[in-house]
Amino acid sequence: MTSIYVGNLPFTASEEEVRSKFESFGTVHSVKLIADRETGRPRGFAFVEMDQGAAQKAIQELNGKDMGGRPLRVNEAQERQPRQGGAGGGGRGGRW
């Protein structure tokens, strides 16, 4: 199974629209539209899971293609790197 990053989505895109865009290349196992934690608004990207061969074909065919007036950025998802330093989350930065 391959996880695909789909960026530059129109903020109006639905899970069904993303799924239908990828289904022509093979079985779509899941679609996860990412929303902002605080506002619930779409962040303009998603992750699609497909079998390896179908995923590679979808990446080749859909990267740069238009969706809602925006060129999609489609590539294999990378593992998220741990955050480094900064004044966020659990540190002693800021006021107390």
PDB file of N, CA and C in Angstrom:
ATOM      1  N   MET A   1       0.848  -1.175   0.000  1.00  0.00           N
ATOM      2  CA  MET A   1       0.000   0.000   0.000  1.00  0.00           C
ATOM      3  C   MET A   1       0.892   1.235   0.000  1.00  0.00           C
ATOM      4  N   THR A   2       0.512   2.219  -0.802  1.00  0.00           N
ATOM      5  CA  THR A   2       1.279   3.456  -0.928  1.00  0.00           C
ATOM      6  C   THR A   2       0.411   4.628  -0.518  1.00  0.00           C
ATOM      7  N   SER A   3       0.974   5.526   0.272  1.00  0.00           N
ATOM      8  CA  SER A   3       0.289   6.750   0.666  1.00  0.00           C
ATOM      9  C   SER A   3       0.741   7.874  -0.259  1.00  0.00           C
ATOM     10  N   ILE A   4      -0.217   8.579  -0.816  1.00  0.00           N
ATOM     11  CA  ILE A   4       0.039   9.650  -1.772  1.00  0.00           C
ATOM     12  C   ILE A   4      -0.335  10.990  -1.140  1.00  0.00           C
ATOM     13  N   TYR A   5       0.566  11.962  -1.241  1.00  0.00           N
ATOM     14  CA  TYR A   5       0.282  13.322  -0.819  1.00  0.00           C
ATOM     15  C   TYR A   5      -0.348  14.063  -1.992  1.00  0.00           C
ATOM     16  N   VAL A   6      -1.467  14.731  -1.745  1.00  0.00           N
ATOM     17  CA  VAL A   6      -2.139  15.517  -2.776  1.00  0.00           C
ATOM     18  C   VAL A   6      -2.249  16.946  -2.259  1.00  0.00           C
ATOM     19  N   GLY A   7      -1.443  17.839  -2.816  1.00  0.00           N
ATOM     20  CA  GLY A   7      -1.417  19.217  -2.353  1.00  0.00           C
ATOM     21  C   GLY A   7      -2.008  20.178  -3.358  1.00  0.00           C
ATOM     22  N   ASN A   8      -2.247  21.397  -2.877  1.00  0.00           N
ATOM     23  CA  ASN A   8      -2.806  22.481  -3.669  1.00  0.00           C
ATOM     24  C   ASN A   8      -4.239  22.191  -4.106  1.00  0.00           C
ATOM     25  N   LEU A   9      -4.956  21.451  -3.267  1.00  0.00           N
ATOM     26  CA  LEU A   9      -6.367  21.179  -3.544  1.00  0.00           C
ATOM     27  C   LEU A   9      -7.185  22.450  -3.359  1.00  0.00           C
ATOM     28  N   PRO A  10      -8.248  22.612  -4.144  1.00  0.00           N
ATOM     29  CA  PRO A  10      -9.156  23.720  -3.864  1.00  0.00           C
ATOM     30  C   PRO A  10      -9.791  23.503  -2.485  1.00  0.00           C
ATOM     31  N   PHE A  11     -10.018  24.569  -1.754  1.00  0.00           N
ATOM     32  CA  PHE A  11     -10.561  24.436  -0.403  1.00  0.00           C
ATOM     33  C   PHE A  11     -11.984  23.891  -0.409  1.00  0.00           C
ATOM     34  N   THR A  12     -12.621  23.878  -1.565  1.00  0.00           N
ATOM     35  CA  THR A  12     -13.980  23.346  -1.688  1.00  0.00           C
ATOM     36  C   THR A  12     -14.001  21.854  -2.021  1.00  0.00           C
ATOM     37  N   ALA A  13     -12.836  21.249  -2.239  1.00  0.00           N
ATOM     38  CA  ALA A  13     -12.774  19.835  -2.643  1.00  0.00           C
ATOM     39  C   ALA A  13     -13.358  18.930  -1.559  1.00  0.00           C
ATOM     40  N   SER A  14     -14.122  17.946  -1.991  1.00  0.00           N
ATOM     41  CA  SER A  14     -14.694  16.970  -1.059  1.00  0.00           C
ATOM     42  C   SER A  14     -13.929  15.654  -1.170  1.00  0.00           C
ATOM     43  N   GLU A  15     -14.118  14.811  -0.172  1.00  0.00           N
ATOM     44  CA  GLU A  15     -13.491  13.488  -0.190  1.00  0.00           C
ATOM     45  C   GLU A  15     -13.929  12.709  -1.428  1.00  0.00           C
ATOM     46  N   GLU A  16     -15.199  12.824  -1.800  1.00  0.00           N
ATOM     47  CA  GLU A  16     -15.723  12.111  -2.959  1.00  0.00           C
ATOM     48  C   GLU A  16     -15.060  12.584  -4.255  1.00  0.00           C
ATOM     49  N   GLU A  17     -14.838  13.891  -4.383  1.00  0.00           N
ATOM     50  CA  GLU A  17     -14.187  14.424  -5.589  1.00  0.00           C
ATOM     51  C   GLU A  17     -12.750  13.929  -5.708  1.00  0.00           C
ATOM     52  N   VAL A  18     -12.035  13.921  -4.590  1.00  0.00           N
ATOM     53  CA  VAL A  18     -10.650  13.444  -4.599  1.00  0.00           C
ATOM     54  C   VAL A  18     -10.630  11.959  -4.935  1.00  0.00           C
ATOM     55  N   ARG A  19     -11.514  11.192  -4.297  1.00  0.00           N
ATOM     56  CA  ARG A  19     -11.582   9.750  -4.549  1.00  0.00           C
ATOM     57  C   ARG A  19     -11.855   9.479  -6.022  1.00  0.00           C
ATOM     58  N   SER A  20     -12.804  10.181  -6.624  1.00  0.00           N
ATOM     59  CA  SER A  20     -13.152   9.915  -8.028  1.00  0.00           C
ATOM     60  C   SER A  20     -12.003  10.267  -8.963  1.00  0.00           C
ATOM     61  N   LYS A  21     -11.202  11.274  -8.613  1.00  0.00           N
ATOM     62  CA  LYS A  21     -10.050  11.648  -9.422  1.00  0.00           C
ATOM     63  C   LYS A  21      -9.030  10.501  -9.476  1.00  0.00           C
ATOM     64  N   PHE A  22      -8.891   9.764  -8.374  1.00  0.00           N
ATOM     65  CA  PHE A  22      -7.884   8.712  -8.275  1.00  0.00           C
ATOM     66  C   PHE A  22      -8.414   7.328  -8.657  1.00  0.00           C
ATOM     67  N   GLU A  23      -9.707   7.110  -8.564  1.00  0.00           N
ATOM     68  CA  GLU A  23     -10.273   5.781  -8.838  1.00  0.00           C
ATOM     69  C   GLU A  23     -10.054   5.302 -10.266  1.00  0.00           C
ATOM     70  N   SER A  24      -9.854   6.205 -11.201  1.00  0.00           N
ATOM     71  CA  SER A  24      -9.637   5.760 -12.577  1.00  0.00           C
ATOM     72  C   SER A  24      -8.290   5.043 -12.738  1.00  0.00           C
ATOM     73  N   PHE A  25      -7.418   5.119 -11.725  1.00  0.00           N
ATOM     74  CA  PHE A  25      -6.108   4.462 -11.781  1.00  0.00           C
ATOM     75  C   PHE A  25      -6.064   3.169 -10.977  1.00  0.00           C
ATOM     76  N   GLY A  26      -7.100   2.906 -10.177  1.00  0.00           N
ATOM     77  CA  GLY A  26      -7.142   1.684  -9.375  1.00  0.00           C
ATOM     78  C   GLY A  26      -7.960   1.895  -8.115  1.00  0.00           C
ATOM     79  N   THR A  27      -7.961   0.883  -7.273  1.00  0.00           N
ATOM     80  CA  THR A  27      -8.744   0.925  -6.037  1.00  0.00           C
ATOM     81  C   THR A  27      -8.159   1.935  -5.058  1.00  0.00           C
ATOM     82  N   VAL A  28      -9.024   2.806  -4.566  1.00  0.00           N
ATOM     83  CA  VAL A  28      -8.639   3.773  -3.537  1.00  0.00           C
ATOM     84  C   VAL A  28      -9.059   3.186  -2.193  1.00  0.00           C
ATOM     85  N   HIS A  29      -8.085   2.932  -1.325  1.00  0.00           N
ATOM     86  CA  HIS A  29      -8.374   2.329  -0.023  1.00  0.00           C
ATOM     87  C   HIS A  29      -8.829   3.358   0.996  1.00  0.00           C
ATOM     88  N   SER A  30      -8.300   4.589   0.907  1.00  0.00           N
ATOM     89  CA  SER A  30      -8.754   5.641   1.818  1.00  0.00           C
ATOM     90  C   SER A  30      -8.383   7.012   1.275  1.00  0.00           C
ATOM     91  N   VAL A  31      -9.166   8.000   1.699  1.00  0.00           N
ATOM     92  CA  VAL A  31      -8.900   9.406   1.398  1.00  0.00           C
ATOM     93  C   VAL A  31      -9.050  10.158   2.710  1.00  0.00           C
ATOM     94  N   LYS A  32      -8.040  10.953   3.058  1.00  0.00           N
ATOM     95  CA  LYS A  32      -8.096  11.754   4.279  1.00  0.00           C
ATOM     96  C   LYS A  32      -7.841  13.212   3.920  1.00  0.00           C
ATOM     97  N   LEU A  33      -8.916  14.009   3.927  1.00  0.00           N
ATOM     98  CA  LEU A  33      -8.767  15.453   3.730  1.00  0.00           C
ATOM     99  C   LEU A  33      -8.320  16.039   5.060  1.00  0.00           C
ATOM    100  N   ILE A  34      -7.318  16.892   5.037  1.00  0.00           N
ATOM    101  CA  ILE A  34      -6.772  17.439   6.268  1.00  0.00           C
ATOM    102  C   ILE A  34      -7.408  18.800   6.553  1.00  0.00           C
ATOM    103  N   ALA A  35      -7.894  18.946   7.792  1.00  0.00           N
ATOM    104  CA  ALA A  35      -8.526  20.187   8.215  1.00  0.00           C
ATOM    105  C   ALA A  35      -7.727  20.809   9.362  1.00  0.00           C
ATOM    106  N   ASP A  36      -7.841  22.107   9.504  1.00  0.00           N
ATOM    107  CA  ASP A  36      -7.201  22.822  10.593  1.00  0.00           C
ATOM    108  C   ASP A  36      -7.825  22.381  11.918  1.00  0.00           C
ATOM    109  N   ARG A  37      -7.003  22.101  12.911  1.00  0.00           N
ATOM    110  CA  ARG A  37      -7.504  21.618  14.201  1.00  0.00           C
ATOM    111  C   ARG A  37      -8.385  22.628  14.912  1.00  0.00           C
ATOM    112  N   GLU A  38      -8.044  23.907  14.794  1.00  0.00           N
ATOM    113  CA  GLU A  38      -8.772  24.929  15.538  1.00  0.00           C
ATOM    114  C   GLU A  38     -10.035  25.402  14.830  1.00  0.00           C
ATOM    115  N   THR A  39      -9.954  25.592  13.518  1.00  0.00           N
ATOM    116  CA  THR A  39     -11.097  26.155  12.792  1.00  0.00           C
ATOM    117  C   THR A  39     -11.946  25.108  12.084  1.00  0.00           C
ATOM    118  N   GLY A  40     -11.371  23.929  11.832  1.00  0.00           N
ATOM    119  CA  GLY A  40     -12.089  22.905  11.089  1.00  0.00           C
ATOM    120  C   GLY A  40     -12.111  23.148   9.589  1.00  0.00           C
ATOM    121  N   ARG A  41     -11.483  24.224   9.141  1.00  0.00           N
ATOM    122  CA  ARG A  41     -11.449  24.542   7.712  1.00  0.00           C
ATOM    123  C   ARG A  41     -10.437  23.658   6.986  1.00  0.00           C
ATOM    124  N   PRO A  42     -10.726  23.336   5.720  1.00  0.00           N
ATOM    125  CA  PRO A  42      -9.778  22.528   4.939  1.00  0.00           C
ATOM    126  C   PRO A  42      -8.443  23.244   4.805  1.00  0.00           C
ATOM    127  N   ARG A  43      -7.358  22.477   4.819  1.00  0.00           N
ATOM    128  CA  ARG A  43      -6.017  23.053   4.692  1.00  0.00           C
ATOM    129  C   ARG A  43      -5.478  22.954   3.262  1.00  0.00           C
ATOM    130  N   GLY A  44      -6.242  22.321   2.354  1.00  0.00           N
ATOM    131  CA  GLY A  44      -5.827  22.290   0.951  1.00  0.00           C
ATOM    132  C   GLY A  44      -4.947  21.112   0.583  1.00  0.00           C
ATOM    133  N   PHE A  45      -4.921  20.086   1.434  1.00  0.00           N
ATOM    134  CA  PHE A  45      -4.191  18.882   1.051  1.00  0.00           C
ATOM    135  C   PHE A  45      -4.853  17.650   1.636  1.00  0.00           C
ATOM    136  N   ALA A  46      -4.470  16.498   1.065  1.00  0.00           N
ATOM    137  CA  ALA A  46      -5.071  15.232   1.470  1.00  0.00           C
ATOM    138  C   ALA A  46      -4.053  14.116   1.306  1.00  0.00           C
ATOM    139  N   PHE A  47      -4.392  12.957   1.862  1.00  0.00           N
ATOM    140  CA  PHE A  47      -3.607  11.749   1.669  1.00  0.00           C
ATOM    141  C   PHE A  47      -4.532  10.686   1.107  1.00  0.00           C
ATOM    142  N   VAL A  48      -4.066  10.016   0.062  1.00  0.00           N
ATOM    143  CA  VAL A  48      -4.828   8.960  -0.608  1.00  0.00           C
ATOM    144  C   VAL A  48      -3.999   7.683  -0.515  1.00  0.00           C
ATOM    145  N   GLU A  49      -4.623   6.573  -0.120  1.00  0.00           N
ATOM    146  CA  GLU A  49      -3.924   5.287  -0.076  1.00  0.00           C
ATOM    147  C   GLU A  49      -4.416   4.390  -1.193  1.00  0.00           C
ATOM    148  N   MET A  50      -3.433   3.859  -1.969  1.00  0.00           N
ATOM    149  CA  MET A  50      -3.716   2.968  -3.092  1.00  0.00           C
ATOM    150  C   MET A  50      -2.649   1.883  -3.136  1.00  0.00           C
ATOM    151  N   ASP A  51      -2.906   0.833  -3.921  1.00  0.00           N
ATOM    152  CA  ASP A  51      -1.885  -0.176  -4.154  1.00  0.00           C
ATOM    153  C   ASP A  51      -0.739   0.469  -4.930  1.00  0.00           C
ATOM    154  N   GLN A  52       0.474  -0.058  -4.762  1.00  0.00           N
ATOM    155  CA  GLN A  52       1.693   0.551  -5.304  1.00  0.00           C
ATOM    156  C   GLN A  52       1.624   0.888  -6.792  1.00  0.00           C
ATOM    157  N   GLY A  53       1.273  -0.070  -7.639  1.00  0.00           N
ATOM    158  CA  GLY A  53       1.253   0.171  -9.085  1.00  0.00           C
ATOM    159  C   GLY A  53       0.264   1.249  -9.475  1.00  0.00           C
ATOM    160  N   ALA A  54      -0.932   1.193  -8.902  1.00  0.00           N
ATOM    161  CA  ALA A  54      -1.956   2.195  -9.190  1.00  0.00           C
ATOM    162  C   ALA A  54      -1.515   3.564  -8.687  1.00  0.00           C
ATOM    163  N   ALA A  55      -0.872   3.593  -7.529  1.00  0.00           N
ATOM    164  CA  ALA A  55      -0.413   4.854  -6.946  1.00  0.00           C
ATOM    165  C   ALA A  55       0.620   5.523  -7.844  1.00  0.00           C
ATOM    166  N   GLN A  56       1.579   4.744  -8.350  1.00  0.00           N
ATOM    167  CA  GLN A  56       2.618   5.315  -9.208  1.00  0.00           C
ATOM    168  C   GLN A  56       2.018   5.898 -10.485  1.00  0.00           C
ATOM    169  N   LYS A  57       1.059   5.195 -11.067  1.00  0.00           N
ATOM    170  CA  LYS A  57       0.400   5.690 -12.279  1.00  0.00           C
ATOM    171  C   LYS A  57      -0.381   6.972 -11.978  1.00  0.00           C
ATOM    172  N   ALA A  58      -1.100   6.989 -10.858  1.00  0.00           N
ATOM    173  CA  ALA A  58      -1.864   8.180 -10.476  1.00  0.00           C
ATOM    174  C   ALA A  58      -0.944   9.378 -10.263  1.00  0.00           C
ATOM    175  N   ILE A  59       0.194   9.157  -9.606  1.00  0.00           N
ATOM    176  CA  ILE A  59       1.151  10.235  -9.370  1.00  0.00           C
ATOM    177  C   ILE A  59       1.637  10.812 -10.692  1.00  0.00           C
ATOM    178  N   GLN A  60       2.014   9.932 -11.620  1.00  0.00           N
ATOM    179  CA  GLN A  60       2.518  10.385 -12.926  1.00  0.00           C
ATOM    180  C   GLN A  60       1.465  11.165 -13.699  1.00  0.00           C
ATOM    181  N   GLU A  61       0.231  10.682 -13.665  1.00  0.00           N
ATOM    182  CA  GLU A  61      -0.826  11.278 -14.477  1.00  0.00           C
ATOM    183  C   GLU A  61      -1.451  12.534 -13.861  1.00  0.00           C
ATOM    184  N   LEU A  62      -1.526  12.602 -12.537  1.00  0.00           N
ATOM    185  CA  LEU A  62      -2.262  13.696 -11.907  1.00  0.00           C
ATOM    186  C   LEU A  62      -1.402  14.856 -11.421  1.00  0.00           C
ATOM    187  N   ASN A  63      -0.097  14.650 -11.264  1.00  0.00           N
ATOM    188  CA  ASN A  63       0.755  15.746 -10.805  1.00  0.00           C
ATOM    189  C   ASN A  63       0.729  16.884 -11.833  1.00  0.00           C
ATOM    190  N   GLY A  64       0.343  18.065 -11.375  1.00  0.00           N
ATOM    191  CA  GLY A  64       0.265  19.232 -12.253  1.00  0.00           C
ATOM    192  C   GLY A  64      -1.076  19.410 -12.947  1.00  0.00           C
ATOM    193  N   LYS A  65      -1.957  18.407 -12.853  1.00  0.00           N
ATOM    194  CA  LYS A  65      -3.273  18.516 -13.497  1.00  0.00           C
ATOM    195  C   LYS A  65      -4.156  19.487 -12.719  1.00  0.00           C
ATOM    196  N   ASP A  66      -5.065  20.114 -13.441  1.00  0.00           N
ATOM    197  CA  ASP A  66      -5.952  21.111 -12.864  1.00  0.00           C
ATOM    198  C   ASP A  66      -7.100  20.468 -12.086  1.00  0.00           C
ATOM    199  N   MET A  67      -7.401  21.045 -10.918  1.00  0.00           N
ATOM    200  CA  MET A  67      -8.606  20.683 -10.173  1.00  0.00           C
ATOM    201  C   MET A  67      -9.140  21.972  -9.573  1.00  0.00           C
ATOM    202  N   GLY A  68     -10.294  22.393 -10.034  1.00  0.00           N
ATOM    203  CA  GLY A  68     -10.891  23.620  -9.528  1.00  0.00           C
ATOM    204  C   GLY A  68     -10.044  24.851  -9.770  1.00  0.00           C
ATOM    205  N   GLY A  69      -9.314  24.867 -10.883  1.00  0.00           N
ATOM    206  CA  GLY A  69      -8.492  26.017 -11.217  1.00  0.00           C
ATOM    207  C   GLY A  69      -7.124  26.031 -10.551  1.00  0.00           C
ATOM    208  N   ARG A  70      -6.741  24.930  -9.909  1.00  0.00           N
ATOM    209  CA  ARG A  70      -5.445  24.861  -9.231  1.00  0.00           C
ATOM    210  C   ARG A  70      -4.661  23.648  -9.720  1.00  0.00           C
ATOM    211  N   PRO A  71      -3.362  23.811  -9.987  1.00  0.00           N
ATOM    212  CA  PRO A  71      -2.543  22.659 -10.398  1.00  0.00           C
ATOM    213  C   PRO A  71      -2.204  21.785  -9.186  1.00  0.00           C
ATOM    214  N   LEU A  72      -2.591  20.535  -9.237  1.00  0.00           N
ATOM    215  CA  LEU A  72      -2.344  19.627  -8.114  1.00  0.00           C
ATOM    216  C   LEU A  72      -0.857  19.307  -7.966  1.00  0.00           C
ATOM    217  N   ARG A  73      -0.420  19.120  -6.745  1.00  0.00           N
ATOM    218  CA  ARG A  73       0.918  18.596  -6.453  1.00  0.00           C
ATOM    219  C   ARG A  73       0.692  17.197  -5.898  1.00  0.00           C
ATOM    220  N   VAL A  74       1.123  16.203  -6.636  1.00  0.00           N
ATOM    221  CA  VAL A  74       0.863  14.817  -6.275  1.00  0.00           C
ATOM    222  C   VAL A  74       2.188  14.066  -6.237  1.00  0.00           C
ATOM    223  N   ASN A  75       2.507  13.485  -5.075  1.00  0.00           N
ATOM    224  CA  ASN A  75       3.711  12.676  -4.959  1.00  0.00           C
ATOM    225  C   ASN A  75       3.558  11.672  -3.822  1.00  0.00           C
ATOM    226  N   GLU A  76       4.523  10.766  -3.734  1.00  0.00           N
ATOM    227  CA  GLU A  76       4.474   9.777  -2.671  1.00  0.00           C
ATOM    228  C   GLU A  76       4.685  10.480  -1.339  1.00  0.00           C
ATOM    229  N   ALA A  77       3.817  10.189  -0.375  1.00  0.00           N
ATOM    230  CA  ALA A  77       3.917  10.828   0.943  1.00  0.00           C
ATOM    231  C   ALA A  77       5.197  10.392   1.639  1.00  0.00           C
ATOM    232  N   GLN A  78       5.812  11.326   2.343  1.00  0.00           N
ATOM    233  CA  GLN A  78       7.024  11.045   3.108  1.00  0.00           C
ATOM    234  C   GLN A  78       6.662  10.925   4.584  1.00  0.00           C
ATOM    235  N   GLU A  79       7.442  10.145   5.312  1.00  0.00           N
ATOM    236  CA  GLU A  79       7.241  10.053   6.757  1.00  0.00           C
ATOM    237  C   GLU A  79       7.413  11.437   7.363  1.00  0.00           C
ATOM    238  N   ARG A  80       6.566  11.758   8.317  1.00  0.00           N
ATOM    239  CA  ARG A  80       6.647  13.054   8.980  1.00  0.00           C
ATOM    240  C   ARG A  80       7.877  13.090   9.882  1.00  0.00           C
ATOM    241  N   GLN A  81       8.656  14.155   9.754  1.00  0.00           N
ATOM    242  CA  GLN A  81       9.861  14.302  10.564  1.00  0.00           C
ATOM    243  C   GLN A  81       9.489  14.903  11.920  1.00  0.00           C
ATOM    244  N   PRO A  82      10.149  14.463  12.986  1.00  0.00           N
ATOM    245  CA  PRO A  82       9.870  15.062  14.296  1.00  0.00           C
ATOM    246  C   PRO A  82      10.230  16.544  14.285  1.00  0.00           C
ATOM    247  N   ARG A  83       9.455  17.318  14.987  1.00  0.00           N
ATOM    248  CA  ARG A  83       9.727  18.759  15.053  1.00  0.00           C
ATOM    249  C   ARG A  83      10.958  19.012  15.893  1.00  0.00           C
ATOM    250  N   GLN A  84      11.704  20.023  15.494  1.00  0.00           N
ATOM    251  CA  GLN A  84      12.936  20.377  16.190  1.00  0.00           C
ATOM    252  C   GLN A  84      12.756  21.706  16.920  1.00  0.00           C
ATOM    253  N   GLY A  85      13.161  21.731  18.180  1.00  0.00           N
ATOM    254  CA  GLY A  85      13.236  22.974  18.952  1.00  0.00           C
ATOM    255  C   GLY A  85      12.002  23.831  18.865  1.00  0.00           C
ATOM    256  N   GLY A  86      12.192  25.134  18.877  1.00  0.00           N
ATOM    257  CA  GLY A  86      11.085  26.065  18.801  1.00  0.00           C
ATOM    258  C   GLY A  86      10.449  26.281  20.158  1.00  0.00           C
ATOM    259  N   ALA A  87       9.515  27.207  20.218  1.00  0.00           N
ATOM    260  CA  ALA A  87       8.874  27.545  21.486  1.00  0.00           C
ATOM    261  C   ALA A  87       7.494  26.923  21.596  1.00  0.00           C
ATOM    262  N   GLY A  88       7.270  25.820  20.935  1.00  0.00           N
ATOM    263  CA  GLY A  88       5.946  25.225  20.966  1.00  0.00           C
ATOM    264  C   GLY A  88       5.900  23.958  21.768  1.00  0.00           C
ATOM    265  N   GLY A  89       4.714  23.589  22.152  1.00  0.00           N
ATOM    266  CA  GLY A  89       4.382  22.297  22.726  1.00  0.00           C
ATOM    267  C   GLY A  89       5.254  21.738  23.826  1.00  0.00           C
ATOM    268  N   GLY A  90       4.954  22.068  25.060  1.00  0.00           N
ATOM    269  CA  GLY A  90       5.554  21.359  26.175  1.00  0.00           C
ATOM    270  C   GLY A  90       6.890  21.917  26.661  1.00  0.00           C
ATOM    271  N   GLY A  91       7.488  22.818  25.915  1.00  0.00           N
ATOM    272  CA  GLY A  91       8.751  23.391  26.371  1.00  0.00           C
ATOM    273  C   GLY A  91       8.495  24.459  27.413  1.00  0.00           C
ATOM    274  N   ARG A  92       9.546  25.083  27.884  1.00  0.00           N
ATOM    275  CA  ARG A  92       9.381  26.138  28.873  1.00  0.00           C
ATOM    276  C   ARG A  92       9.498  27.509  28.236  1.00  0.00           C
ATOM    277  N   GLY A  93       9.277  27.570  26.920  1.00  0.00           N
ATOM    278  CA  GLY A  93       9.312  28.866  26.249  1.00  0.00           C
ATOM    279  C   GLY A  93       8.079  29.677  26.569  1.00  0.00           C
ATOM    280  N   GLY A  94       8.189  30.968  26.533  1.00  0.00           N
ATOM    281  CA  GLY A  94       7.032  31.826  26.782  1.00  0.00           C
ATOM    282  C   GLY A  94       6.858  32.136  28.258  1.00  0.00           C
ATOM    283  N   ARG A  95       5.717  32.707  28.567  1.00  0.00           N
ATOM    284  CA  ARG A  95       5.430  33.118  29.957  1.00  0.00           C
ATOM    285  C   ARG A  95       4.894  31.966  30.773  1.00  0.00           C
ATOM    286  N   TRP A  96       5.043  32.093  32.120  1.00  0.00           N
ATOM    287  CA  TRP A  96       4.425  31.113  32.992  1.00  0.00           C
ATOM    288  C   TRP A  96       3.694  31.754  34.071  1.00  0.00           C
TER     289      TRP A  96
END
